[in-house]
Amino acid sequence: MQTILGANGQIATELARALKRHYTQNLRLVSRQPRKVNDTDALVRADLLDAIQTLDAVRGSEVVYFTAGLPPDSALWETQFPAMLRNAIDASRAAGAKFVYFDNTYMYPQSAQRQTEETVFAPTGRKGRVRALMAEMVLAEMQRGDIPVAIARAPEFYGPGKTQSVTNTLVIEPLKAGRKAKVPVRDDTLRTLIWTPDASRAMAIIGNTEDAYGQTWHLPCWDERLTYQAFVHVAATTFGVAPRYRVLSHWALVAASWVSKPVRELRELLPRYAHDLVFDSSKFRRRFPHFVVTSYEQGLRHIAQASS
């Protein structure tokens, strides 16, 4: 049995598909309101803030994947995320299950520094500090050695379906609808974006590879990085629309944050858009050389076809 905790998001949905396709039909999807992805999925309702419910949800699992998400609310992250993760780790240890933690890069320096698995955490905001704390919790469990533990880390997403990301919300969705895209801060810095199905496929591989445990992995991204200016042109060509966009300056976004809570929650991440984002996933590609990474053109074409 392989169990996905936090089972309704885009990453979890694609993970369930990848696991069923390549590894097992014995899947358990856990959330407050779980929904089947595959016909054979077992559904368990559980609140990960409840230690007993989490323990019951994980019981009998061979591998547990933590893909739970929360709305972009700093106070919610501070009060709930570490508790959810603690319950998931404790439950996995009690079950003797392997534990795979899906992580992001909020704790990394927001600079042009190349990001590798060895990059030292340097969080600059509340959400970044929460993600650093959570990553340290997982690393401590990895060091403890009672159960096999792996970290699967991804940069910013773009993807199909209901993928929630800055790029989907500000660039892809408006262009699909024939509207002008909005680019945060600058249009001339290189971005590293991960196609959500690639992230999930790679995490499934890590979860089912014995020697992948005890390590942090950067999930594989297309290395021909684009600026947002170039990305807009590729997306517009794919969608058959004009490549119209405007840049939302740093100071305009800071001003908007005083009246808009969603923009306020984004504010701590703004510095990352002022620099090239070079997320290095070469370690994964060396270990799994046959993994085929989706190009930006292929991903955007998939989105266009799904919308037609």
C-alpha atoms as a PDB file:
ATOM      1  CA  MET A   1       0.000   0.000   0.000  1.00  0.00           C
ATOM      2  CA  GLN A   2       1.269   3.465  -0.937  1.00  0.00           C
ATOM      3  CA  THR A   3      -0.445   6.434   0.692  1.00  0.00           C
ATOM      4  CA  ILE A   4      -0.706  10.070  -0.396  1.00  0.00           C
ATOM      5  CA  LEU A   5      -1.357  12.568   2.387  1.00  0.00           C
ATOM      6  CA  GLY A   6      -2.993  15.736   1.113  1.00  0.00           C
ATOM      7  CA  ALA A   7      -4.501  14.063  -1.890  1.00  0.00           C
ATOM      8  CA  ASN A   8      -6.539  16.650  -3.796  1.00  0.00           C
ATOM      9  CA  GLY A   9      -3.906  19.022  -5.194  1.00  0.00           C
ATOM     10  CA  GLN A  10      -2.450  18.896  -8.691  1.00  0.00           C
ATOM     11  CA  ILE A  11       0.819  17.284  -7.562  1.00  0.00           C
ATOM     12  CA  ALA A  12      -1.030  14.585  -5.600  1.00  0.00           C
ATOM     13  CA  THR A  13      -3.413  13.922  -8.481  1.00  0.00           C
ATOM     14  CA  GLU A  14      -0.574  13.449 -10.956  1.00  0.00           C
ATOM     15  CA  LEU A  15       1.315  11.365  -8.377  1.00  0.00           C
ATOM     16  CA  ALA A  16      -1.639   9.000  -8.009  1.00  0.00           C
ATOM     17  CA  ARG A  17      -1.734   8.564 -11.787  1.00  0.00           C
ATOM     18  CA  ALA A  18       2.006   7.903 -11.989  1.00  0.00           C
ATOM     19  CA  LEU A  19       1.989   5.395  -9.130  1.00  0.00           C
ATOM     20  CA  LYS A  20      -0.939   3.469 -10.610  1.00  0.00           C
ATOM     21  CA  ARG A  21       0.602   3.504 -14.079  1.00  0.00           C
ATOM     22  CA  HIS A  22       4.060   2.307 -13.077  1.00  0.00           C
ATOM     23  CA  TYR A  23       4.130   0.840  -9.573  1.00  0.00           C
ATOM     24  CA  THR A  24       0.995  -0.271  -7.750  1.00  0.00           C
ATOM     25  CA  GLN A  25      -2.781  -0.507  -7.779  1.00  0.00           C
ATOM     26  CA  ASN A  26      -2.832  -0.354  -3.986  1.00  0.00           C
ATOM     27  CA  LEU A  27      -3.168   3.384  -3.439  1.00  0.00           C
ATOM     28  CA  ARG A  28      -4.715   5.197  -0.510  1.00  0.00           C
ATOM     29  CA  LEU A  29      -5.650   8.858  -0.922  1.00  0.00           C
ATOM     30  CA  VAL A  30      -5.997  10.820   2.302  1.00  0.00           C
ATOM     31  CA  SER A  31      -7.472  14.273   2.865  1.00  0.00           C
ATOM     32  CA  ARG A  32     -10.455  15.890   4.510  1.00  0.00           C
ATOM     33  CA  GLN A  33     -12.492  15.320   1.349  1.00  0.00           C
ATOM     34  CA  PRO A  34     -10.582  12.814  -0.799  1.00  0.00           C
ATOM     35  CA  ARG A  35     -11.606  12.130  -4.392  1.00  0.00           C
ATOM     36  CA  LYS A  36     -10.648   9.150  -6.525  1.00  0.00           C
ATOM     37  CA  VAL A  37      -8.090   9.660  -9.261  1.00  0.00           C
ATOM     38  CA  ASN A  38      -8.006   6.000 -10.322  1.00  0.00           C
ATOM     39  CA  ASP A  39     -10.938   3.594 -10.054  1.00  0.00           C
ATOM     40  CA  THR A  40      -8.998   1.363  -7.657  1.00  0.00           C
ATOM     41  CA  ASP A  41      -8.012   4.108  -5.188  1.00  0.00           C
ATOM     42  CA  ALA A  42      -8.952   3.654  -1.530  1.00  0.00           C
ATOM     43  CA  LEU A  43     -10.186   6.877   0.073  1.00  0.00           C
ATOM     44  CA  VAL A  44      -9.647   7.856   3.702  1.00  0.00           C
ATOM     45  CA  ARG A  45     -11.016  11.020   5.294  1.00  0.00           C
ATOM     46  CA  ALA A  46      -8.589  12.459   7.807  1.00  0.00           C
ATOM     47  CA  ASP A  47      -7.510  15.780   9.233  1.00  0.00           C
ATOM     48  CA  LEU A  48      -3.709  15.830   9.318  1.00  0.00           C
ATOM     49  CA  LEU A  49      -3.888  18.181  12.299  1.00  0.00           C
ATOM     50  CA  ASP A  50      -5.308  15.237  14.253  1.00  0.00           C
ATOM     51  CA  ALA A  51      -2.525  12.834  15.257  1.00  0.00           C
ATOM     52  CA  ILE A  52      -4.864   9.859  15.778  1.00  0.00           C
ATOM     53  CA  GLN A  53      -6.625  10.318  12.451  1.00  0.00           C
ATOM     54  CA  THR A  54      -3.251  10.598  10.710  1.00  0.00           C
ATOM     55  CA  LEU A  55      -1.992   7.462  12.452  1.00  0.00           C
ATOM     56  CA  ASP A  56      -5.073   5.534  11.333  1.00  0.00           C
ATOM     57  CA  ALA A  57      -4.780   6.865   7.776  1.00  0.00           C
ATOM     58  CA  VAL A  58      -1.164   5.724   7.429  1.00  0.00           C
ATOM     59  CA  ARG A  59      -1.480   2.317   9.106  1.00  0.00           C
ATOM     60  CA  GLY A  60      -0.402  -0.541   6.804  1.00  0.00           C
ATOM     61  CA  SER A  61       1.418   1.709   4.327  1.00  0.00           C
ATOM     62  CA  GLU A  62       4.705   0.797   2.691  1.00  0.00           C
ATOM     63  CA  VAL A  63       5.377   4.312   1.366  1.00  0.00           C
ATOM     64  CA  VAL A  64       3.842   7.610   2.526  1.00  0.00           C
ATOM     65  CA  TYR A  65       3.992  10.767   0.393  1.00  0.00           C
ATOM     66  CA  PHE A  66       3.407  14.133   2.072  1.00  0.00           C
ATOM     67  CA  THR A  67       1.955  16.464  -0.576  1.00  0.00           C
ATOM     68  CA  ALA A  68      -0.379  18.471   1.651  1.00  0.00           C
ATOM     69  CA  GLY A  69      -0.868  22.126   0.856  1.00  0.00           C
ATOM     70  CA  LEU A  70      -2.437  25.134   2.525  1.00  0.00           C
ATOM     71  CA  PRO A  71      -3.734  28.441   1.152  1.00  0.00           C
ATOM     72  CA  PRO A  72      -1.009  31.115   0.888  1.00  0.00           C
ATOM     73  CA  ASP A  73      -1.666  32.510   4.348  1.00  0.00           C
ATOM     74  CA  SER A  74       1.405  33.042   6.549  1.00  0.00           C
ATOM     75  CA  ALA A  75      -0.471  32.735   9.843  1.00  0.00           C
ATOM     76  CA  LEU A  76      -2.109  29.499   8.695  1.00  0.00           C
ATOM     77  CA  TRP A  77       1.240  28.102   7.608  1.00  0.00           C
ATOM     78  CA  GLU A  78       2.834  28.930  10.957  1.00  0.00           C
ATOM     79  CA  THR A  79       0.076  27.366  13.041  1.00  0.00           C
ATOM     80  CA  GLN A  80      -0.824  24.327  10.921  1.00  0.00           C
ATOM     81  CA  PHE A  81       1.908  23.195   8.539  1.00  0.00           C
ATOM     82  CA  PRO A  82       4.531  22.043  11.103  1.00  0.00           C
ATOM     83  CA  ALA A  83       1.859  20.229  13.133  1.00  0.00           C
ATOM     84  CA  MET A  84       0.558  18.435  10.030  1.00  0.00           C
ATOM     85  CA  LEU A  85       4.059  17.369   9.075  1.00  0.00           C
ATOM     86  CA  ARG A  86       4.909  16.233  12.610  1.00  0.00           C
ATOM     87  CA  ASN A  87       1.805  14.032  12.683  1.00  0.00           C
ATOM     88  CA  ALA A  88       2.654  12.595   9.259  1.00  0.00           C
ATOM     89  CA  ILE A  89       6.244  11.789  10.234  1.00  0.00           C
ATOM     90  CA  ASP A  90       5.227  10.234  13.553  1.00  0.00           C
ATOM     91  CA  ALA A  91       2.521   8.157  11.883  1.00  0.00           C
ATOM     92  CA  SER A  92       4.923   6.935   9.197  1.00  0.00           C
ATOM     93  CA  ARG A  93       7.478   5.956  11.831  1.00  0.00           C
ATOM     94  CA  ALA A  94       4.804   4.072  13.792  1.00  0.00           C
ATOM     95  CA  ALA A  95       3.776   2.234  10.618  1.00  0.00           C
ATOM     96  CA  GLY A  96       7.374   1.481   9.625  1.00  0.00           C
ATOM     97  CA  ALA A  97       6.683   3.201   6.306  1.00  0.00           C
ATOM     98  CA  LYS A  98       9.080   5.002   3.995  1.00  0.00           C
ATOM     99  CA  PHE A  99       8.438   8.752   3.933  1.00  0.00           C
ATOM    100  CA  VAL A 100       8.715  11.042   0.895  1.00  0.00           C
ATOM    101  CA  TYR A 101       8.336  14.764   1.527  1.00  0.00           C
ATOM    102  CA  PHE A 102       7.352  17.057  -1.332  1.00  0.00           C
ATOM    103  CA  ASP A 103       9.084  20.391  -0.789  1.00  0.00           C
ATOM    104  CA  ASN A 104       9.497  23.792  -2.430  1.00  0.00           C
ATOM    105  CA  THR A 105      12.278  26.388  -2.562  1.00  0.00           C
ATOM    106  CA  TYR A 106      10.863  29.147  -0.346  1.00  0.00           C
ATOM    107  CA  MET A 107      13.732  28.691   2.128  1.00  0.00           C
ATOM    108  CA  TYR A 108      16.472  29.238  -0.454  1.00  0.00           C
ATOM    109  CA  PRO A 109      18.295  32.578  -0.935  1.00  0.00           C
ATOM    110  CA  GLN A 110      16.316  34.844  -3.259  1.00  0.00           C
ATOM    111  CA  SER A 111      19.311  35.612  -5.447  1.00  0.00           C
ATOM    112  CA  ALA A 112      20.906  34.531  -8.712  1.00  0.00           C
ATOM    113  CA  GLN A 113      22.862  31.808  -6.873  1.00  0.00           C
ATOM    114  CA  ARG A 114      22.575  28.413  -8.561  1.00  0.00           C
ATOM    115  CA  GLN A 115      20.303  26.262  -6.415  1.00  0.00           C
ATOM    116  CA  THR A 116      21.477  22.719  -5.682  1.00  0.00           C
ATOM    117  CA  GLU A 117      20.570  20.161  -3.054  1.00  0.00           C
ATOM    118  CA  GLU A 118      23.437  21.574  -0.964  1.00  0.00           C
ATOM    119  CA  THR A 119      22.202  25.185  -1.002  1.00  0.00           C
ATOM    120  CA  VAL A 120      22.124  26.602   2.532  1.00  0.00           C
ATOM    121  CA  PHE A 121      18.712  27.781   3.691  1.00  0.00           C
ATOM    122  CA  ALA A 122      18.336  31.561   4.010  1.00  0.00           C
ATOM    123  CA  PRO A 123      14.605  32.314   4.375  1.00  0.00           C
ATOM    124  CA  THR A 124      13.587  35.962   4.219  1.00  0.00           C
ATOM    125  CA  GLY A 125       9.881  35.855   5.078  1.00  0.00           C
ATOM    126  CA  ARG A 126       7.330  34.077   7.223  1.00  0.00           C
ATOM    127  CA  LYS A 127       6.428  31.381   4.711  1.00  0.00           C
ATOM    128  CA  GLY A 128      10.089  30.804   3.914  1.00  0.00           C
ATOM    129  CA  ARG A 129      10.862  30.342   7.603  1.00  0.00           C
ATOM    130  CA  VAL A 130       8.021  27.820   7.919  1.00  0.00           C
ATOM    131  CA  ARG A 131       9.300  25.813   4.951  1.00  0.00           C
ATOM    132  CA  ALA A 132      12.846  25.902   6.369  1.00  0.00           C
ATOM    133  CA  LEU A 133      11.554  24.606   9.704  1.00  0.00           C
ATOM    134  CA  MET A 134       9.629  21.824   7.970  1.00  0.00           C
ATOM    135  CA  ALA A 135      12.599  20.792   5.840  1.00  0.00           C
ATOM    136  CA  GLU A 136      14.758  20.670   8.973  1.00  0.00           C
ATOM    137  CA  MET A 137      12.151  18.437  10.639  1.00  0.00           C
ATOM    138  CA  VAL A 138      12.369  16.001   7.720  1.00  0.00           C
ATOM    139  CA  LEU A 139      16.170  16.134   7.667  1.00  0.00           C
ATOM    140  CA  ALA A 140      16.194  15.365  11.398  1.00  0.00           C
ATOM    141  CA  GLU A 141      14.004  12.314  10.783  1.00  0.00           C
ATOM    142  CA  MET A 142      16.310  11.278   7.953  1.00  0.00           C
ATOM    143  CA  GLN A 143      19.285  11.565  10.322  1.00  0.00           C
ATOM    144  CA  ARG A 144      17.438   9.633  13.023  1.00  0.00           C
ATOM    145  CA  GLY A 145      17.369   6.639  10.707  1.00  0.00           C
ATOM    146  CA  ASP A 146      14.333   4.789  12.033  1.00  0.00           C
ATOM    147  CA  ILE A 147      12.593   4.852   8.648  1.00  0.00           C
ATOM    148  CA  PRO A 148      13.788   5.625   5.104  1.00  0.00           C
ATOM    149  CA  VAL A 149      13.163   9.303   4.291  1.00  0.00           C
ATOM    150  CA  ALA A 150      13.587  11.321   1.086  1.00  0.00           C
ATOM    151  CA  ILE A 151      12.963  14.946   0.147  1.00  0.00           C
ATOM    152  CA  ALA A 152      11.662  15.754  -3.348  1.00  0.00           C
ATOM    153  CA  ARG A 153      12.055  19.490  -3.964  1.00  0.00           C
ATOM    154  CA  ALA A 154      10.566  21.512  -6.811  1.00  0.00           C
ATOM    155  CA  PRO A 155      10.780  25.141  -7.950  1.00  0.00           C
ATOM    156  CA  GLU A 156       7.772  27.111  -9.178  1.00  0.00           C
ATOM    157  CA  PHE A 157       5.139  25.107 -11.063  1.00  0.00           C
ATOM    158  CA  TYR A 158       3.367  25.437 -14.318  1.00  0.00           C
ATOM    159  CA  GLY A 159       0.974  22.771 -15.428  1.00  0.00           C
ATOM    160  CA  PRO A 160      -2.387  21.495 -16.628  1.00  0.00           C
ATOM    161  CA  GLY A 161      -5.716  21.271 -14.862  1.00  0.00           C
ATOM    162  CA  LYS A 162      -6.034  23.280 -11.689  1.00  0.00           C
ATOM    163  CA  THR A 163      -2.324  23.914 -11.182  1.00  0.00           C
ATOM    164  CA  GLN A 164      -1.937  26.815  -8.764  1.00  0.00           C
ATOM    165  CA  SER A 165       1.123  28.949  -9.436  1.00  0.00           C
ATOM    166  CA  VAL A 166       2.149  32.496 -10.219  1.00  0.00           C
ATOM    167  CA  THR A 167       2.910  31.536 -13.824  1.00  0.00           C
ATOM    168  CA  ASN A 168      -0.413  29.792 -14.365  1.00  0.00           C
ATOM    169  CA  THR A 169      -2.410  32.580 -12.723  1.00  0.00           C
ATOM    170  CA  LEU A 170      -0.658  35.627 -14.174  1.00  0.00           C
ATOM    171  CA  VAL A 171       0.621  34.367 -17.521  1.00  0.00           C
ATOM    172  CA  ILE A 172      -0.932  31.161 -18.828  1.00  0.00           C
ATOM    173  CA  GLU A 173      -4.588  31.608 -17.893  1.00  0.00           C
ATOM    174  CA  PRO A 174      -4.888  35.210 -19.180  1.00  0.00           C
ATOM    175  CA  LEU A 175      -3.175  34.351 -22.475  1.00  0.00           C
ATOM    176  CA  LYS A 176      -5.412  31.309 -22.943  1.00  0.00           C
ATOM    177  CA  ALA A 177      -8.399  33.622 -22.565  1.00  0.00           C
ATOM    178  CA  GLY A 178      -6.966  36.135 -25.043  1.00  0.00           C
ATOM    179  CA  ARG A 179      -6.140  38.673 -22.354  1.00  0.00           C
ATOM    180  CA  LYS A 180      -2.900  40.440 -21.523  1.00  0.00           C
ATOM    181  CA  ALA A 181      -0.517  38.483 -19.272  1.00  0.00           C
ATOM    182  CA  LYS A 182       1.015  40.028 -16.171  1.00  0.00           C
ATOM    183  CA  VAL A 183       4.700  39.423 -15.445  1.00  0.00           C
ATOM    184  CA  PRO A 184       5.949  39.923 -11.873  1.00  0.00           C
ATOM    185  CA  VAL A 185       8.866  42.363 -11.370  1.00  0.00           C
ATOM    186  CA  ARG A 186      10.944  41.719 -14.524  1.00  0.00           C
ATOM    187  CA  ASP A 187      10.558  40.065 -17.910  1.00  0.00           C
ATOM    188  CA  ASP A 188      14.268  39.585 -18.643  1.00  0.00           C
ATOM    189  CA  THR A 189      15.400  37.188 -15.905  1.00  0.00           C
ATOM    190  CA  LEU A 190      15.679  33.466 -16.577  1.00  0.00           C
ATOM    191  CA  ARG A 191      13.084  31.274 -14.884  1.00  0.00           C
ATOM    192  CA  THR A 192      13.239  27.582 -13.997  1.00  0.00           C
ATOM    193  CA  LEU A 193       9.713  26.162 -13.993  1.00  0.00           C
ATOM    194  CA  ILE A 194       8.701  22.546 -13.416  1.00  0.00           C
ATOM    195  CA  TRP A 195       5.870  20.838 -15.304  1.00  0.00           C
ATOM    196  CA  THR A 196       3.660  19.399 -12.566  1.00  0.00           C
ATOM    197  CA  PRO A 197       3.270  15.919 -14.136  1.00  0.00           C
ATOM    198  CA  ASP A 198       7.084  15.705 -14.363  1.00  0.00           C
ATOM    199  CA  ALA A 199       7.384  16.584 -10.667  1.00  0.00           C
ATOM    200  CA  SER A 200       4.923  13.856  -9.729  1.00  0.00           C
ATOM    201  CA  ARG A 201       6.429  11.214 -12.029  1.00  0.00           C
ATOM    202  CA  ALA A 202       9.854  11.927 -10.567  1.00  0.00           C
ATOM    203  CA  MET A 203       8.560  11.743  -7.007  1.00  0.00           C
ATOM    204  CA  ALA A 204       6.988   8.351  -7.775  1.00  0.00           C
ATOM    205  CA  ILE A 205      10.380   7.125  -8.999  1.00  0.00           C
ATOM    206  CA  ILE A 206      12.093   8.368  -5.835  1.00  0.00           C
ATOM    207  CA  GLY A 207       9.496   6.700  -3.628  1.00  0.00           C
ATOM    208  CA  ASN A 208      10.060   3.374  -5.368  1.00  0.00           C
ATOM    209  CA  THR A 209      13.876   3.425  -5.586  1.00  0.00           C
ATOM    210  CA  GLU A 210      15.663   2.044  -2.538  1.00  0.00           C
ATOM    211  CA  ASP A 211      18.873   4.020  -2.924  1.00  0.00           C
ATOM    212  CA  ALA A 212      16.993   7.314  -3.395  1.00  0.00           C
ATOM    213  CA  TYR A 213      16.224   7.465   0.326  1.00  0.00           C
ATOM    214  CA  GLY A 214      18.409   9.308   2.796  1.00  0.00           C
ATOM    215  CA  GLN A 215      18.824  12.175   0.325  1.00  0.00           C
ATOM    216  CA  THR A 216      17.344  15.419  -0.969  1.00  0.00           C
ATOM    217  CA  TRP A 217      16.495  15.494  -4.669  1.00  0.00           C
ATOM    218  CA  HIS A 218      15.820  18.427  -6.954  1.00  0.00           C
ATOM    219  CA  LEU A 219      13.046  17.263  -9.256  1.00  0.00           C
ATOM    220  CA  PRO A 220      13.823  17.443 -12.983  1.00  0.00           C
ATOM    221  CA  CYS A 221      13.185  20.630 -14.956  1.00  0.00           C
ATOM    222  CA  TRP A 222      13.680  21.632 -18.585  1.00  0.00           C
ATOM    223  CA  ASP A 223      17.126  23.221 -18.617  1.00  0.00           C
ATOM    224  CA  GLU A 224      16.618  25.513 -21.622  1.00  0.00           C
ATOM    225  CA  ARG A 225      15.432  28.263 -19.312  1.00  0.00           C
ATOM    226  CA  LEU A 226      13.374  31.148 -20.677  1.00  0.00           C
ATOM    227  CA  THR A 227      12.765  34.698 -19.593  1.00  0.00           C
ATOM    228  CA  TYR A 228       9.125  35.586 -19.036  1.00  0.00           C
ATOM    229  CA  GLN A 229       9.320  37.646 -22.231  1.00  0.00           C
ATOM    230  CA  ALA A 230      10.276  34.521 -24.184  1.00  0.00           C
ATOM    231  CA  PHE A 231       7.818  32.335 -22.253  1.00  0.00           C
ATOM    232  CA  VAL A 232       4.957  34.700 -23.131  1.00  0.00           C
ATOM    233  CA  HIS A 233       5.877  34.498 -26.816  1.00  0.00           C
ATOM    234  CA  VAL A 234       6.012  30.681 -26.770  1.00  0.00           C
ATOM    235  CA  ALA A 235       2.694  30.483 -24.904  1.00  0.00           C
ATOM    236  CA  ALA A 236       0.995  33.021 -27.164  1.00  0.00           C
ATOM    237  CA  THR A 237       2.150  31.204 -30.292  1.00  0.00           C
ATOM    238  CA  THR A 238       0.895  27.915 -28.860  1.00  0.00           C
ATOM    239  CA  PHE A 239      -2.490  29.383 -27.911  1.00  0.00           C
ATOM    240  CA  GLY A 240      -2.834  31.310 -31.176  1.00  0.00           C
ATOM    241  CA  VAL A 241      -3.045  34.739 -29.547  1.00  0.00           C
ATOM    242  CA  ALA A 242      -1.012  37.942 -29.524  1.00  0.00           C
ATOM    243  CA  PRO A 243       1.932  37.950 -27.074  1.00  0.00           C
ATOM    244  CA  ARG A 244       0.578  40.798 -24.981  1.00  0.00           C
ATOM    245  CA  TYR A 245       1.814  41.359 -21.452  1.00  0.00           C
ATOM    246  CA  ARG A 246       2.769  44.044 -18.991  1.00  0.00           C
ATOM    247  CA  VAL A 247       5.345  43.980 -16.225  1.00  0.00           C
ATOM    248  CA  LEU A 248       4.098  44.537 -12.681  1.00  0.00           C
ATOM    249  CA  SER A 249       6.947  46.431 -11.066  1.00  0.00           C
ATOM    250  CA  HIS A 250       8.227  45.564  -7.620  1.00  0.00           C
ATOM    251  CA  TRP A 251       6.972  48.839  -6.184  1.00  0.00           C
ATOM    252  CA  ALA A 252       3.567  48.498  -7.833  1.00  0.00           C
ATOM    253  CA  LEU A 253       3.171  45.076  -6.234  1.00  0.00           C
ATOM    254  CA  VAL A 254       4.349  46.395  -2.865  1.00  0.00           C
ATOM    255  CA  ALA A 255       1.758  49.168  -3.093  1.00  0.00           C
ATOM    256  CA  ALA A 256      -0.946  46.677  -4.078  1.00  0.00           C
ATOM    257  CA  SER A 257      -0.039  44.505  -1.096  1.00  0.00           C
ATOM    258  CA  TRP A 258      -1.396  47.172   1.255  1.00  0.00           C
ATOM    259  CA  VAL A 259      -4.922  46.631  -0.067  1.00  0.00           C
ATOM    260  CA  SER A 260      -4.819  43.063  -1.433  1.00  0.00           C
ATOM    261  CA  LYS A 261      -4.213  40.074   0.848  1.00  0.00           C
ATOM    262  CA  PRO A 262      -3.249  37.699  -2.032  1.00  0.00           C
ATOM    263  CA  VAL A 263      -0.612  40.188  -3.203  1.00  0.00           C
ATOM    264  CA  ARG A 264       0.515  40.723   0.397  1.00  0.00           C
ATOM    265  CA  GLU A 265       1.095  36.980   0.735  1.00  0.00           C
ATOM    266  CA  LEU A 266       3.178  37.044  -2.461  1.00  0.00           C
ATOM    267  CA  ARG A 267       5.289  39.988  -1.317  1.00  0.00           C
ATOM    268  CA  GLU A 268       8.051  37.998   0.416  1.00  0.00           C
ATOM    269  CA  LEU A 269       8.703  36.131  -2.848  1.00  0.00           C
ATOM    270  CA  LEU A 270       9.117  39.215  -5.044  1.00  0.00           C
ATOM    271  CA  PRO A 271      12.943  39.380  -4.798  1.00  0.00           C
ATOM    272  CA  ARG A 272      13.238  36.016  -6.557  1.00  0.00           C
ATOM    273  CA  TYR A 273      11.716  37.519  -9.708  1.00  0.00           C
ATOM    274  CA  ALA A 274      14.416  40.202  -9.872  1.00  0.00           C
ATOM    275  CA  HIS A 275      17.141  37.591 -10.482  1.00  0.00           C
ATOM    276  CA  ASP A 276      17.745  34.590 -12.705  1.00  0.00           C
ATOM    277  CA  LEU A 277      16.322  31.468 -11.061  1.00  0.00           C
ATOM    278  CA  VAL A 278      18.709  28.602 -11.817  1.00  0.00           C
ATOM    279  CA  PHE A 279      17.384  25.462 -10.138  1.00  0.00           C
ATOM    280  CA  ASP A 280      19.862  22.653 -10.794  1.00  0.00           C
ATOM    281  CA  SER A 281      18.322  19.183 -11.176  1.00  0.00           C
ATOM    282  CA  SER A 282      21.396  17.501 -12.656  1.00  0.00           C
ATOM    283  CA  LYS A 283      21.717  15.092  -9.714  1.00  0.00           C
ATOM    284  CA  PHE A 284      18.345  13.520 -10.545  1.00  0.00           C
ATOM    285  CA  ARG A 285      19.127  13.342 -14.256  1.00  0.00           C
ATOM    286  CA  ARG A 286      22.451  11.624 -13.572  1.00  0.00           C
ATOM    287  CA  ARG A 287      20.800   8.973 -11.391  1.00  0.00           C
ATOM    288  CA  PHE A 288      17.757   8.526 -13.661  1.00  0.00           C
ATOM    289  CA  PRO A 289      19.104   9.274 -17.158  1.00  0.00           C
ATOM    290  CA  HIS A 290      16.111   7.760 -18.959  1.00  0.00           C
ATOM    291  CA  PHE A 291      13.635  10.219 -17.429  1.00  0.00           C
ATOM    292  CA  VAL A 292      12.208  12.378 -20.221  1.00  0.00           C
ATOM    293  CA  VAL A 293      11.678  15.985 -19.141  1.00  0.00           C
ATOM    294  CA  THR A 294       8.810  17.895 -20.736  1.00  0.00           C
ATOM    295  CA  SER A 295       9.878  20.989 -22.693  1.00  0.00           C
ATOM    296  CA  TYR A 296       8.039  24.280 -22.269  1.00  0.00           C
ATOM    297  CA  GLU A 297       6.677  23.937 -25.808  1.00  0.00           C
ATOM    298  CA  GLN A 298       5.340  20.443 -25.064  1.00  0.00           C
ATOM    299  CA  GLY A 299       3.792  21.480 -21.756  1.00  0.00           C
ATOM    300  CA  LEU A 300       2.070  24.533 -23.208  1.00  0.00           C
ATOM    301  CA  ARG A 301       0.841  22.483 -26.167  1.00  0.00           C
ATOM    302  CA  HIS A 302      -0.698  20.003 -23.720  1.00  0.00           C
ATOM    303  CA  ILE A 303      -2.475  22.859 -21.922  1.00  0.00           C
ATOM    304  CA  ALA A 304      -3.762  24.210 -25.237  1.00  0.00           C
ATOM    305  CA  GLN A 305      -5.053  20.811 -26.359  1.00  0.00           C
ATOM    306  CA  ALA A 306      -6.759  20.187 -23.021  1.00  0.00           C
ATOM    307  CA  SER A 307      -8.580  23.508 -23.352  1.00  0.00           C
ATOM    308  CA  SER A 308      -9.786  22.941 -26.914  1.00  0.00           C
END
